[in-house]
C-alpha atoms as a PDB file:
ATOM      1  CA  MET A   1     112.738 -53.173 111.290  1.00  0.00           C
ATOM      2  CA  SER A   2     110.173 -55.828 110.251  1.00  0.00           C
ATOM      3  CA  LEU A   3     107.432 -53.882 112.022  1.00  0.00           C
ATOM      4  CA  SER A   4     108.309 -50.757 110.098  1.00  0.00           C
ATOM      5  CA  ILE A   5     108.212 -52.580 106.772  1.00  0.00           C
ATOM      6  CA  SER A   6     104.909 -54.217 107.663  1.00  0.00           C
ATOM      7  CA  GLY A   7     103.454 -50.859 108.573  1.00  0.00           C
ATOM      8  CA  LEU A   8     104.611 -49.338 105.287  1.00  0.00           C
ATOM      9  CA  ASN A   9     103.060 -52.175 103.274  1.00  0.00           C
ATOM     10  CA  TRP A  10      99.787 -51.772 105.098  1.00  0.00           C
ATOM     11  CA  ARG A  11      99.735 -48.036 104.409  1.00  0.00           C
ATOM     12  CA  SER A  12     100.523 -48.672 100.733  1.00  0.00           C
ATOM     13  CA  LYS A  13      97.687 -51.157 100.453  1.00  0.00           C
ATOM     14  CA  LYS A  14      95.341 -48.724 102.124  1.00  0.00           C
ATOM     15  CA  SER A  15      96.329 -45.933  99.727  1.00  0.00           C
ATOM     16  CA  LEU A  16      95.906 -48.254  96.748  1.00  0.00           C
ATOM     17  CA  LEU A  17      92.468 -49.316  97.956  1.00  0.00           C
ATOM     18  CA  ALA A  18      91.434 -45.678  98.407  1.00  0.00           C
ATOM     19  CA  ALA A  19      92.651 -44.811  94.918  1.00  0.00           C
ATOM     20  CA  LEU A  20      90.739 -47.764  93.475  1.00  0.00           C
ATOM     21  CA  ILE A  21      87.548 -46.675  95.235  1.00  0.00           C
ATOM     22  CA  ILE A  22      87.942 -43.148  93.821  1.00  0.00           C
ATOM     23  CA  VAL A  23      88.419 -44.479  90.293  1.00  0.00           C
ATOM     24  CA  LEU A  24      85.363 -46.721  90.616  1.00  0.00           C
ATOM     25  CA  CYS A  25      83.309 -43.791  91.902  1.00  0.00           C
ATOM     26  CA  ILE A  26      84.388 -41.631  88.948  1.00  0.00           C
ATOM     27  CA  ILE A  27      83.427 -44.387  86.501  1.00  0.00           C
ATOM     28  CA  ALA A  28      80.069 -44.882  88.213  1.00  0.00           C
ATOM     29  CA  ILE A  29      79.333 -41.132  88.148  1.00  0.00           C
ATOM     30  CA  TYR A  30      80.269 -40.971  84.449  1.00  0.00           C
ATOM     31  CA  PHE A  31      77.863 -43.731  83.468  1.00  0.00           C
ATOM     32  CA  LEU A  32      75.158 -42.344  85.734  1.00  0.00           C
ATOM     33  CA  PHE A  33      75.269 -38.763  84.508  1.00  0.00           C
ATOM     34  CA  ARG A  34      76.730 -38.979  80.987  1.00  0.00           C
ATOM     35  CA  THR A  35      74.705 -37.234  78.305  1.00  0.00           C
ATOM     36  CA  PRO A  36      72.477 -39.747  76.479  1.00  0.00           C
ATOM     37  CA  ARG A  37      72.615 -40.209  72.727  1.00  0.00           C
ATOM     38  CA  LEU A  38      69.611 -39.620  70.498  1.00  0.00           C
ATOM     39  CA  PRO A  39      67.604 -42.755  69.716  1.00  0.00           C
ATOM     40  CA  ASN A  40      67.669 -43.992  66.131  1.00  0.00           C
ATOM     41  CA  LEU A  41      63.966 -44.181  65.287  1.00  0.00           C
ATOM     42  CA  ALA A  42      64.677 -46.830  62.651  1.00  0.00           C
ATOM     43  CA  HIS A  43      65.218 -49.204  65.600  1.00  0.00           C
ATOM     44  CA  SER A  44      62.060 -48.222  67.486  1.00  0.00           C
ATOM     45  CA  THR A  45      59.419 -50.702  68.560  1.00  0.00           C
ATOM     46  CA  SER A  46      56.081 -50.833  66.752  1.00  0.00           C
ATOM     47  CA  LEU A  47      54.405 -49.209  69.774  1.00  0.00           C
ATOM     48  CA  GLU A  48      56.876 -46.310  69.801  1.00  0.00           C
ATOM     49  CA  LEU A  49      56.344 -45.742  66.089  1.00  0.00           C
ATOM     50  CA  THR A  50      52.576 -45.942  66.455  1.00  0.00           C
ATOM     51  CA  ASN A  51      52.765 -43.242  69.146  1.00  0.00           C
ATOM     52  CA  LEU A  52      54.944 -41.151  66.854  1.00  0.00           C
ATOM     53  CA  LYS A  53      52.486 -41.452  63.988  1.00  0.00           C
ATOM     54  CA  SER A  54      49.690 -40.435  66.347  1.00  0.00           C
ATOM     55  CA  ALA A  55      51.690 -37.351  67.342  1.00  0.00           C
ATOM     56  CA  TRP A  56      52.166 -36.517  63.657  1.00  0.00           C
ATOM     57  CA  THR A  57      48.437 -36.900  63.005  1.00  0.00           C
ATOM     58  CA  ASN A  58      47.737 -34.526  65.902  1.00  0.00           C
ATOM     59  CA  GLY A  59      50.194 -31.930  64.583  1.00  0.00           C
ATOM     60  CA  ASP A  60      52.519 -32.222  67.583  1.00  0.00           C
ATOM     61  CA  VAL A  61      55.881 -32.730  65.853  1.00  0.00           C
ATOM     62  CA  ILE A  62      58.779 -30.444  64.954  1.00  0.00           C
ATOM     63  CA  VAL A  63      61.126 -31.886  62.324  1.00  0.00           C
ATOM     64  CA  LEU A  64      64.583 -30.530  61.597  1.00  0.00           C
ATOM     65  CA  ILE A  65      66.034 -31.772  58.323  1.00  0.00           C
ATOM     66  CA  ARG A  66      69.659 -31.231  57.407  1.00  0.00           C
ATOM     67  CA  HIS A  67      70.134 -30.167  53.787  1.00  0.00           C
ATOM     68  CA  ALA A  68      71.182 -32.663  51.109  1.00  0.00           C
ATOM     69  CA  GLU A  69      74.786 -33.394  50.127  1.00  0.00           C
ATOM     70  CA  ARG A  70      76.870 -30.233  49.697  1.00  0.00           C
ATOM     71  CA  CYS A  71      78.441 -29.669  46.307  1.00  0.00           C
ATOM     72  CA  ASP A  72      81.535 -27.935  47.714  1.00  0.00           C
ATOM     73  CA  GLN A  73      82.339 -30.845  50.036  1.00  0.00           C
ATOM     74  CA  SER A  74      81.802 -33.726  47.620  1.00  0.00           C
ATOM     75  CA  SER A  75      83.375 -35.210  44.518  1.00  0.00           C
ATOM     76  CA  ALA A  76      79.893 -35.921  43.133  1.00  0.00           C
ATOM     77  CA  PRO A  77      78.606 -33.682  40.295  1.00  0.00           C
ATOM     78  CA  CYS A  78      77.094 -30.369  41.340  1.00  0.00           C
ATOM     79  CA  LEU A  79      73.466 -29.725  40.551  1.00  0.00           C
ATOM     80  CA  ASN A  80      73.871 -26.206  39.176  1.00  0.00           C
ATOM     81  CA  ALA A  81      75.568 -23.997  41.784  1.00  0.00           C
ATOM     82  CA  PRO A  82      78.879 -24.417  43.650  1.00  0.00           C
ATOM     83  CA  ASP A  83      77.228 -23.438  46.946  1.00  0.00           C
ATOM     84  CA  GLY A  84      74.277 -25.778  46.392  1.00  0.00           C
ATOM     85  CA  ILE A  85      73.746 -29.543  46.509  1.00  0.00           C
ATOM     86  CA  THR A  86      74.907 -32.401  44.320  1.00  0.00           C
ATOM     87  CA  THR A  87      72.814 -34.242  41.745  1.00  0.00           C
ATOM     88  CA  ARG A  88      72.918 -37.234  44.081  1.00  0.00           C
ATOM     89  CA  GLY A  89      71.672 -35.029  46.906  1.00  0.00           C
ATOM     90  CA  LYS A  90      68.814 -33.828  44.731  1.00  0.00           C
ATOM     91  CA  ASP A  91      67.646 -37.417  44.134  1.00  0.00           C
ATOM     92  CA  VAL A  92      67.728 -38.151  47.862  1.00  0.00           C
ATOM     93  CA  ALA A  93      65.792 -34.949  48.608  1.00  0.00           C
ATOM     94  CA  VAL A  94      63.113 -35.803  46.033  1.00  0.00           C
ATOM     95  CA  GLY A  95      62.713 -39.293  47.470  1.00  0.00           C
ATOM     96  CA  LEU A  96      62.526 -38.082  51.046  1.00  0.00           C
ATOM     97  CA  GLY A  97      60.007 -35.417  50.116  1.00  0.00           C
ATOM     98  CA  GLU A  98      57.772 -38.014  48.488  1.00  0.00           C
ATOM     99  CA  GLN A  99      57.768 -39.980  51.733  1.00  0.00           C
ATOM    100  CA  TYR A 100      56.792 -36.923  53.762  1.00  0.00           C
ATOM    101  CA  GLN A 101      54.017 -36.133  51.308  1.00  0.00           C
ATOM    102  CA  MET A 102      52.719 -39.701  51.638  1.00  0.00           C
ATOM    103  CA  LEU A 103      52.861 -39.319  55.417  1.00  0.00           C
ATOM    104  CA  GLY A 104      50.670 -36.236  55.111  1.00  0.00           C
ATOM    105  CA  LEU A 105      51.413 -32.529  55.006  1.00  0.00           C
ATOM    106  CA  ASP A 106      47.912 -31.082  55.341  1.00  0.00           C
ATOM    107  CA  LYS A 107      48.661 -29.845  58.856  1.00  0.00           C
ATOM    108  CA  THR A 108      52.314 -28.979  58.341  1.00  0.00           C
ATOM    109  CA  ASP A 109      54.162 -25.669  58.048  1.00  0.00           C
ATOM    110  CA  ILE A 110      57.481 -25.777  56.167  1.00  0.00           C
ATOM    111  CA  PHE A 111      60.353 -23.287  56.232  1.00  0.00           C
ATOM    112  CA  THR A 112      63.951 -23.310  55.055  1.00  0.00           C
ATOM    113  CA  SER A 113      67.211 -21.514  55.623  1.00  0.00           C
ATOM    114  CA  PRO A 114      67.922 -18.911  52.907  1.00  0.00           C
ATOM    115  CA  LEU A 115      71.217 -20.524  51.844  1.00  0.00           C
ATOM    116  CA  THR A 116      71.334 -22.158  48.415  1.00  0.00           C
ATOM    117  CA  ARG A 117      71.860 -25.729  49.630  1.00  0.00           C
ATOM    118  CA  THR A 118      68.895 -25.607  52.001  1.00  0.00           C
ATOM    119  CA  LYS A 119      66.597 -23.823  49.554  1.00  0.00           C
ATOM    120  CA  GLN A 120      67.408 -26.379  46.858  1.00  0.00           C
ATOM    121  CA  THR A 121      66.802 -29.246  49.266  1.00  0.00           C
ATOM    122  CA  ALA A 122      63.439 -27.858  50.373  1.00  0.00           C
ATOM    123  CA  THR A 123      62.338 -27.071  46.815  1.00  0.00           C
ATOM    124  CA  PHE A 124      63.085 -30.565  45.547  1.00  0.00           C
ATOM    125  CA  MET A 125      61.593 -32.201  48.608  1.00  0.00           C
ATOM    126  CA  PHE A 126      58.259 -30.445  48.388  1.00  0.00           C
ATOM    127  CA  ASN A 127      58.171 -29.533  44.687  1.00  0.00           C
ATOM    128  CA  GLN A 128      57.564 -25.847  45.376  1.00  0.00           C
ATOM    129  CA  GLU A 129      59.314 -22.714  46.574  1.00  0.00           C
ATOM    130  CA  ILE A 130      59.531 -22.755  50.365  1.00  0.00           C
ATOM    131  CA  GLU A 131      59.558 -19.598  52.479  1.00  0.00           C
ATOM    132  CA  ASP A 132      62.972 -18.961  54.011  1.00  0.00           C
ATOM    133  CA  LEU A 133      63.751 -17.673  57.494  1.00  0.00           C
ATOM    134  CA  GLU A 134      67.077 -16.030  58.274  1.00  0.00           C
ATOM    135  CA  TRP A 135      67.365 -17.577  61.742  1.00  0.00           C
ATOM    136  CA  LEU A 136      67.494 -21.057  60.212  1.00  0.00           C
ATOM    137  CA  ALA A 137      70.986 -20.125  59.021  1.00  0.00           C
ATOM    138  CA  SER A 138      72.154 -17.753  61.786  1.00  0.00           C
ATOM    139  CA  CYS A 139      70.762 -19.948  64.529  1.00  0.00           C
ATOM    140  CA  ARG A 140      73.386 -19.644  67.239  1.00  0.00           C
ATOM    141  CA  GLY A 141      71.772 -19.482  70.680  1.00  0.00           C
ATOM    142  CA  ILE A 142      68.199 -19.089  69.398  1.00  0.00           C
ATOM    143  CA  MET A 143      67.364 -22.285  67.543  1.00  0.00           C
ATOM    144  CA  LEU A 144      65.173 -24.010  70.105  1.00  0.00           C
ATOM    145  CA  GLN A 145      63.258 -20.909  71.171  1.00  0.00           C
ATOM    146  CA  LYS A 146      62.640 -19.804  67.576  1.00  0.00           C
ATOM    147  CA  SER A 147      61.400 -23.277  66.645  1.00  0.00           C
ATOM    148  CA  ILE A 148      58.949 -23.248  69.541  1.00  0.00           C
ATOM    149  CA  GLU A 149      57.737 -19.755  68.651  1.00  0.00           C
ATOM    150  CA  THR A 150      57.243 -20.690  64.988  1.00  0.00           C
ATOM    151  CA  LYS A 151      55.242 -23.865  65.591  1.00  0.00           C
ATOM    152  CA  ARG A 152      51.486 -23.426  65.407  1.00  0.00           C
ATOM    153  CA  LYS A 153      49.140 -25.426  67.611  1.00  0.00           C
ATOM    154  CA  GLY A 154      47.823 -28.480  65.847  1.00  0.00           C
ATOM    155  CA  HIS A 155      50.348 -28.136  63.006  1.00  0.00           C
ATOM    156  CA  ASN A 156      53.579 -30.027  62.492  1.00  0.00           C
ATOM    157  CA  LEU A 157      56.607 -27.907  61.661  1.00  0.00           C
ATOM    158  CA  ILE A 158      59.335 -28.907  59.193  1.00  0.00           C
ATOM    159  CA  LEU A 159      62.535 -26.847  59.190  1.00  0.00           C
ATOM    160  CA  VAL A 160      65.186 -27.452  56.521  1.00  0.00           C
ATOM    161  CA  THR A 161      68.410 -26.226  58.069  1.00  0.00           C
ATOM    162  CA  HIS A 162      72.095 -26.933  58.760  1.00  0.00           C
ATOM    163  CA  SER A 163      74.049 -29.418  60.827  1.00  0.00           C
ATOM    164  CA  ASN A 164      75.128 -26.875  63.459  1.00  0.00           C
ATOM    165  CA  CYS A 165      71.514 -25.754  63.921  1.00  0.00           C
ATOM    166  CA  VAL A 166      70.366 -29.346  64.374  1.00  0.00           C
ATOM    167  CA  GLN A 167      73.169 -29.900  66.871  1.00  0.00           C
ATOM    168  CA  GLN A 168      72.069 -26.840  68.835  1.00  0.00           C
ATOM    169  CA  ILE A 169      68.586 -28.300  69.222  1.00  0.00           C
ATOM    170  CA  VAL A 170      70.027 -31.650  70.271  1.00  0.00           C
ATOM    171  CA  LYS A 171      72.247 -30.016  72.883  1.00  0.00           C
ATOM    172  CA  SER A 172      69.424 -27.793  74.149  1.00  0.00           C
ATOM    173  CA  LEU A 173      67.323 -30.917  74.697  1.00  0.00           C
ATOM    174  CA  HIS A 174      70.153 -32.452  76.744  1.00  0.00           C
ATOM    175  CA  PHE A 175      71.426 -35.063  74.316  1.00  0.00           C
ATOM    176  CA  TYR A 176      74.929 -35.764  73.049  1.00  0.00           C
ATOM    177  CA  ALA A 177      75.509 -33.357  70.178  1.00  0.00           C
ATOM    178  CA  SER A 178      79.090 -33.864  68.996  1.00  0.00           C
ATOM    179  CA  GLU A 179      78.231 -36.054  66.025  1.00  0.00           C
ATOM    180  CA  THR A 180      77.389 -34.265  62.771  1.00  0.00           C
ATOM    181  CA  PRO A 181      73.934 -35.349  61.546  1.00  0.00           C
ATOM    182  CA  SER A 182      73.825 -37.102  58.178  1.00  0.00           C
ATOM    183  CA  TYR A 183      72.709 -35.307  55.037  1.00  0.00           C
ATOM    184  CA  THR A 184      68.888 -35.193  54.757  1.00  0.00           C
ATOM    185  CA  SER A 185      68.475 -36.873  58.140  1.00  0.00           C
ATOM    186  CA  SER A 186      65.417 -35.920  60.190  1.00  0.00           C
ATOM    187  CA  LEU A 187      65.416 -34.993  63.874  1.00  0.00           C
ATOM    188  CA  LEU A 188      61.930 -35.373  65.346  1.00  0.00           C
ATOM    189  CA  VAL A 189      60.881 -33.389  68.398  1.00  0.00           C
ATOM    190  CA  LEU A 190      57.588 -33.756  70.243  1.00  0.00           C
ATOM    191  CA  PHE A 191      55.883 -30.526  71.285  1.00  0.00           C
ATOM    192  CA  GLY A 192      52.146 -30.869  71.643  1.00  0.00           C
ATOM    193  CA  GLU A 193      49.557 -28.339  72.725  1.00  0.00           C
ATOM    194  CA  ASN A 194      49.633 -29.546  76.326  1.00  0.00           C
ATOM    195  CA  ASP A 195      53.402 -30.031  76.562  1.00  0.00           C
ATOM    196  CA  LYS A 196      55.281 -27.607  78.785  1.00  0.00           C
ATOM    197  CA  LYS A 197      58.553 -28.169  76.954  1.00  0.00           C
ATOM    198  CA  PRO A 198      59.714 -29.995  73.803  1.00  0.00           C
ATOM    199  CA  ARG A 199      61.161 -33.490  73.948  1.00  0.00           C
ATOM    200  CA  ALA A 200      63.526 -35.042  71.421  1.00  0.00           C
ATOM    201  CA  LEU A 201      62.106 -38.294  70.062  1.00  0.00           C
ATOM    202  CA  GLY A 202      65.108 -39.297  67.946  1.00  0.00           C
ATOM    203  CA  TYR A 203      66.460 -39.154  64.435  1.00  0.00           C
ATOM    204  CA  VAL A 204      66.049 -41.162  61.265  1.00  0.00           C
ATOM    205  CA  ASP A 205      68.308 -41.149  58.205  1.00  0.00           C
ATOM    206  CA  ALA A 206      66.818 -40.596  54.773  1.00  0.00           C
ATOM    207  CA  GLN A 207      67.375 -44.178  53.632  1.00  0.00           C
ATOM    208  CA  ASN A 208      65.353 -45.459  56.611  1.00  0.00           C
ATOM    209  CA  PHE A 209      62.495 -42.984  56.328  1.00  0.00           C
ATOM    210  CA  SER A 210      59.319 -44.144  54.641  1.00  0.00           C
ATOM    211  CA  ALA A 211      55.726 -43.060  54.986  1.00  0.00           C
ATOM    212  CA  ASP A 212      54.742 -46.372  56.554  1.00  0.00           C
ATOM    213  CA  PHE A 213      57.760 -46.962  58.801  1.00  0.00           C
ATOM    214  CA  MET A 214      55.757 -45.501  61.695  1.00  0.00           C
ATOM    215  CA  SER A 215      53.202 -48.280  61.262  1.00  0.00           C
ATOM    216  CA  ARG A 216      55.751 -51.072  61.130  1.00  0.00           C
ATOM    217  CA  LYS A 217      54.505 -54.267  62.717  1.00  0.00           C
END
């Protein structure tokens, strides 16, 4: 009888050890292959930001900007249309646009989604009417390819669009895309003349974006 009990205990311990090994393997595989999150460029090193500024100077950057705060999803006062942005969103858009203009827009093409909230954001950012493109609103399944096709060599490309369109780009570039990007946040993608495919550099929220943050010491 004692032999039988001893044998059962040994088999139980062996099964438990096997189960533990399986669990540890699953955890190891998860951490090895889990989808990485986008870097927050506000936390970049001075060298990384210097390289980013160099890419901007060379016209090698695609920027996707989510529109400013939506009027219909906020208690803040609307600007002038229920499907547009708030007055607070307008102020943020103006400030962010000033920073981009200080950074330099001589070699930059700018487009916006045709929806009111994106058109308002783009207009207040750049103090002019911005050409709209339908695919920046109906972007499902085409966002990355259309962005690549629209970018000109030696010119940066700024696209004012929507959260789901930004998330599509993030997912297409193999990053975690479940988090909704903040209002007026910028996703920066590197795609130079000699690059075979685009590469996500990271994101930066409006409050952390300044014309000289790329030259931070």
